[in-house]
Every structure is written in structure tokens, then in C-alpha cells.
């Protein structure tokens, strides 16, 4: 059964890799239940969808469409093997470290029930930013991470509540289209030819991804 391995919260720390000055990357597993709610608009809202989680760059991160970030423990284990270093839960900046759930094949608009109350909706893939590159300290990290095509998923909050480590995760809505997190990531980073296919997601397509699909623009990884 798919479940939460941990729920991770970030604390403010200096960020030498971005003008924002502070970051909440390198999150730590929480002890006990954590509140989940829609944070409101980016910049003017609460930032993260998790109560107690810090986001340093509110201009580019957080907000309703990026309220929660999920990454699977199985991929962290693979990166541990490839990099030869320990990667504890939360190290990639993920709020939810999952087990038994294939996050990257989740479809845009897919909904997950986490625990008894919370419902989250898959919105966009994570794009590696300068903070993530600097935090990892691996030469060429953005391109290495991108080449793997397994970025993890941002989620919006449909139904608020509380979650905790060990909670089950159930897919309660799976859209008919085939536009997955992995496809959206490749389309916006390395495979321009896939951009038109994002429109197949219809109303499940995040506005930022819709703009990318219509403009044919890729995200810079420099």
C-alpha cells in the first residue's frame, strides 16, 4: 500500500545561491500530525501548504499551485546509489516522502487522498532551481537531475486537514488523458516536441504549463 514515509518541514536557513537570501530546502521529518491547507496566492499568501514549513523565495515557489511537493523514497534511494552519499527524507526539499507510489507517472489533475481527510491534486513537475543546484553541491546537478526525468510532483490542496508519517495514500481520481508529471517535465525542459501534447490535459493543465505549451518555450537550466 502506498503511504507517507515522512512529512517534512523546512526551517529558515541562509541561502547563498539566490537573491532571496533564505531557504527552507533540506527539510526535516516532522514528529506528529501536520496541518495542510491551501496557502493562497504566491508572494502574498502563506507560502507552503504545510503549517510550519518555510519557503524563502515566495516569488517563485509556494502558492496554491505548488502548495506541497512530493518525492518518492525509491528515487532518493537510487540517487544515493548513484551519488554515493546519504540522502535523508526531506533532503531534496520535498514535503512528502512517499513509499509505494509512482509519483512521476501521476497524471496532471490526479487526486490523492492522504490519511483520512486530506485530498491533494497533482499540478506540475518540480524544475531544478539555483538553490537546489547549490544545495546539492554536485557539478552539473541540474542537467543530471533533469536527464533522469523523475522530478517529483507539486500538488494543490483540495481538502485541508492533517497528515502524518505512515498515513496511507490512495489515488481517488485518475484523469482520462495521458499527460504525466514526467512528460510535462520533459516537455518543458528537454523535449520541445512534447509541448503541444500538454494541451491534451484540458482543464487539468496548470496555467503556467498551458502558457509554455502555447508559446513553445523551454525552461532554462543554466
Protein backbone atom coordinates (compact mmCIF):
# COMPACT_ATOMS: atom_id res chain seq x y z
CA UNK A 1 0.00 0.00 0.00
CA UNK A 2 1.23 3.48 -0.86
CA UNK A 3 1.98 5.55 2.22
CA UNK A 4 3.81 8.56 3.60
CA UNK A 5 7.28 7.65 4.77
CA UNK A 6 7.58 11.11 6.32
CA UNK A 7 6.12 14.62 6.31
CA UNK A 8 8.95 17.16 6.10
CA UNK A 9 9.10 20.79 7.19
CA UNK A 10 11.71 23.39 6.32
CA UNK A 11 13.25 25.87 8.72
CA UNK A 12 14.80 29.18 7.59
CA UNK A 13 18.49 29.00 6.74
CA UNK A 14 20.74 31.41 4.82
CA UNK A 15 20.73 30.88 1.08
CA UNK A 16 23.94 31.96 -0.70
CA UNK A 17 22.60 30.68 -4.03
CA UNK A 18 19.72 33.13 -4.56
CA UNK A 19 18.96 36.79 -4.00
CA UNK A 20 16.01 35.83 -1.80
CA UNK A 21 18.60 35.28 0.96
CA UNK A 22 16.81 32.48 2.82
CA UNK A 23 15.68 28.97 2.03
CA UNK A 24 13.70 26.11 3.54
CA UNK A 25 15.37 23.35 1.49
CA UNK A 26 16.80 20.41 3.37
CA UNK A 27 13.57 19.78 5.24
CA UNK A 28 13.32 17.62 8.36
CA UNK A 29 10.73 14.92 9.13
CA UNK A 30 8.03 16.18 11.47
CA UNK A 31 7.00 14.39 14.64
CA UNK A 32 3.25 14.02 14.90
CA UNK A 33 0.43 15.41 12.73
CA UNK A 34 0.98 18.37 10.40
CA UNK A 35 -1.75 20.73 9.23
CA UNK A 36 -2.40 21.06 5.50
CA UNK A 37 -4.27 23.96 3.90
CA UNK A 38 -4.37 25.97 0.69
CA UNK A 39 -1.80 28.75 1.20
CA UNK A 40 -3.32 31.29 -1.17
CA UNK A 41 -1.54 33.27 -3.91
CA UNK A 42 2.20 33.14 -4.36
CA UNK A 43 4.06 36.10 -2.75
CA UNK A 44 1.00 37.39 -0.87
CA UNK A 45 -0.24 34.11 0.64
CA UNK A 46 1.06 31.78 3.35
CA UNK A 47 3.71 30.19 1.13
CA UNK A 48 3.64 26.48 1.83
CA UNK A 49 0.57 24.31 2.10
CA UNK A 50 2.01 22.72 5.26
CA UNK A 51 1.71 24.56 8.55
CA UNK A 52 5.19 25.25 9.92
CA UNK A 53 7.01 24.87 6.60
CA UNK A 54 9.22 27.76 5.42
CA UNK A 55 9.60 28.95 1.82
CA UNK A 56 12.33 31.51 1.25
CA UNK A 57 11.63 32.59 -2.34
CA UNK A 58 7.93 33.38 -2.34
CA UNK A 59 8.15 34.92 -5.80
CA UNK A 60 8.97 31.60 -7.50
CA UNK A 61 7.85 28.92 -5.03
CA UNK A 62 4.79 28.08 -2.99
CA UNK A 63 1.25 29.30 -3.51
CA UNK A 64 -1.85 27.28 -4.28
CA UNK A 65 -0.44 25.50 -7.35
CA UNK A 66 2.80 24.50 -5.57
CA UNK A 67 1.41 24.07 -2.08
CA UNK A 68 3.00 20.66 -1.44
CA UNK A 69 5.95 18.85 -3.05
CA UNK A 70 6.11 15.05 -3.18
CA UNK A 71 9.13 12.88 -3.98
CA UNK A 72 9.34 9.11 -3.66
CA UNK A 73 11.76 7.37 -1.33
CA UNK A 74 12.59 4.85 -4.03
CA UNK A 75 14.11 7.61 -6.17
CA UNK A 76 16.07 9.01 -3.22
CA UNK A 77 17.49 5.51 -2.75
CA UNK A 78 18.55 5.41 -6.40
CA UNK A 79 20.20 8.83 -6.12
CA UNK A 80 22.04 7.61 -3.01
CA UNK A 81 23.43 4.76 -5.07
CA UNK A 82 24.40 6.99 -7.99
CA UNK A 83 25.95 9.77 -5.92
CA UNK A 84 27.48 7.62 -3.20
CA UNK A 85 26.09 9.72 -0.37
CA UNK A 86 23.28 9.62 2.15
CA UNK A 87 20.08 11.44 1.22
CA UNK A 88 17.66 11.52 4.17
CA UNK A 89 13.96 12.20 3.77
CA UNK A 90 13.37 15.88 3.00
CA UNK A 91 16.86 16.47 1.59
CA UNK A 92 15.53 17.29 -1.89
CA UNK A 93 13.17 19.80 -0.32
CA UNK A 94 10.15 17.53 -0.53
CA UNK A 95 7.28 17.93 1.91
CA UNK A 96 6.06 14.38 1.39
CA UNK A 97 8.44 11.46 1.06
CA UNK A 98 6.32 8.62 -0.30
CA UNK A 99 6.71 4.85 -0.49
CA UNK A 100 4.91 2.56 -2.91
CA UNK A 101 3.51 5.38 -5.07
CA UNK A 102 4.83 6.08 -8.57
CA UNK A 103 4.84 9.86 -8.33
CA UNK A 104 6.31 10.57 -11.76
CA UNK A 105 3.65 8.67 -13.70
CA UNK A 106 0.89 10.55 -11.88
CA UNK A 107 -1.32 12.40 -14.36
CA UNK A 108 -1.89 16.12 -14.18
CA UNK A 109 -5.12 16.64 -12.25
CA UNK A 110 -4.83 13.29 -10.46
CA UNK A 111 -6.08 13.40 -6.88
CA UNK A 112 -4.68 11.62 -3.84
CA UNK A 113 -6.36 11.09 -0.52
CA UNK A 114 -3.72 11.17 2.22
CA UNK A 115 -4.82 9.79 5.57
CA UNK A 116 -8.48 10.23 6.46
CA UNK A 117 -9.06 13.84 5.45
CA UNK A 118 -6.62 15.48 3.08
CA UNK A 119 -7.07 15.44 -0.69
CA UNK A 120 -4.28 16.77 -2.91
CA UNK A 121 -4.23 17.36 -6.67
CA UNK A 122 -1.21 16.87 -8.94
CA UNK A 123 -0.34 20.14 -10.72
CA UNK A 124 3.21 20.46 -12.11
CA UNK A 125 6.67 18.88 -12.02
CA UNK A 126 9.49 20.36 -9.97
CA UNK A 127 12.06 22.27 -12.02
CA UNK A 128 15.59 22.36 -10.50
CA UNK A 129 16.43 25.91 -9.41
CA UNK A 130 19.70 27.57 -8.37
CA UNK A 131 19.02 26.83 -4.69
CA UNK A 132 18.63 23.10 -5.39
CA UNK A 133 21.79 23.09 -7.53
CA UNK A 134 23.82 24.88 -4.87
CA UNK A 135 22.41 22.82 -2.01
CA UNK A 136 23.36 19.55 -3.69
CA UNK A 137 26.91 20.68 -4.46
CA UNK A 138 27.19 18.25 -7.37
CA UNK A 139 28.81 19.51 -10.58
CA UNK A 140 26.23 19.77 -13.37
CA UNK A 141 23.47 18.78 -10.97
CA UNK A 142 20.59 20.50 -12.79
CA UNK A 143 21.33 18.64 -16.01
CA UNK A 144 21.98 15.35 -14.22
CA UNK A 145 18.68 15.61 -12.34
CA UNK A 146 16.85 16.64 -15.50
CA UNK A 147 18.25 13.78 -17.54
CA UNK A 148 16.73 11.28 -15.10
CA UNK A 149 13.26 12.63 -15.89
CA UNK A 150 11.92 11.89 -12.42
CA UNK A 151 11.33 15.32 -10.81
CA UNK A 152 8.60 14.60 -8.31
CA UNK A 153 5.27 16.42 -8.24
CA UNK A 154 3.82 19.64 -6.90
CA UNK A 155 0.29 19.42 -5.57
CA UNK A 156 -2.52 21.78 -4.68
CA UNK A 157 -4.76 21.32 -1.64
CA UNK A 158 -8.33 20.31 -2.47
CA UNK A 159 -9.43 19.28 1.03
CA UNK A 160 -7.49 20.51 4.10
CA UNK A 161 -6.82 18.53 7.25
CA UNK A 162 -3.88 16.87 8.99
CA UNK A 163 -1.41 14.23 7.85
CA UNK A 164 1.39 12.28 9.47
CA UNK A 165 4.08 9.71 8.68
CA UNK A 166 2.58 6.30 7.97
CA UNK A 167 -0.68 7.64 6.53
CA UNK A 168 -1.97 5.69 3.51
CA UNK A 169 -2.15 7.36 0.10
CA UNK A 170 -4.99 6.45 -2.24
CA UNK A 171 -5.48 7.67 -5.81
CA UNK A 172 -9.12 8.79 -5.83
CA UNK A 173 -9.19 10.43 -9.27
CA UNK A 174 -7.16 9.49 -12.33
CA UNK A 175 -7.93 11.58 -15.43
CA UNK A 176 -8.54 10.01 -18.83
CA UNK A 177 -5.64 11.83 -20.53
CA UNK A 178 -2.06 10.52 -20.52
CA UNK A 179 -0.18 13.70 -19.60
CA UNK A 180 2.01 12.69 -16.69
CA UNK A 181 4.40 14.57 -14.43
CA UNK A 182 7.36 13.01 -16.24
CA UNK A 183 6.00 14.00 -19.65
CA UNK A 184 5.33 17.57 -18.54
CA UNK A 185 8.84 17.79 -17.14
CA UNK A 186 10.48 16.54 -20.33
CA UNK A 187 8.26 18.78 -22.46
CA UNK A 188 9.27 21.94 -20.61
CA UNK A 189 12.97 21.13 -20.23
CA UNK A 190 14.44 18.96 -22.97
CA UNK A 191 11.80 17.77 -25.46
CA UNK A 192 10.08 20.75 -27.10
CA UNK A 193 8.20 18.40 -29.44
CA UNK A 194 6.12 17.22 -26.48
CA UNK A 195 4.84 20.70 -25.59
CA UNK A 196 1.67 20.53 -27.75
CA UNK A 197 0.70 17.27 -26.09
CA UNK A 198 0.35 19.03 -22.75
CA UNK A 199 -2.86 20.58 -24.06
CA UNK A 200 -4.40 17.10 -24.04
CA UNK A 201 -4.74 17.52 -20.28
CA UNK A 202 -7.52 20.06 -20.88
CA UNK A 203 -8.84 21.65 -17.71
CA UNK A 204 -6.28 19.69 -15.66
CA UNK A 205 -3.42 21.68 -17.17
CA UNK A 206 -1.80 24.21 -14.84
CA UNK A 207 -1.84 27.79 -16.25
CA UNK A 208 1.96 28.00 -16.30
CA UNK A 209 2.19 24.77 -18.29
CA UNK A 210 -0.52 25.99 -20.64
CA UNK A 211 1.49 29.14 -21.35
CA UNK A 212 4.57 27.02 -22.03
CA UNK A 213 2.63 24.74 -24.37
CA UNK A 214 1.18 27.69 -26.29
CA UNK A 215 4.45 29.59 -26.53
CA UNK A 216 6.68 26.60 -27.24
CA UNK A 217 9.20 27.78 -24.67
CA UNK A 218 11.56 25.61 -22.64
CA UNK A 219 12.81 26.25 -19.11
CA UNK A 220 16.46 27.33 -18.96
CA UNK A 221 18.67 25.03 -16.89
CA UNK A 222 21.72 27.33 -16.91
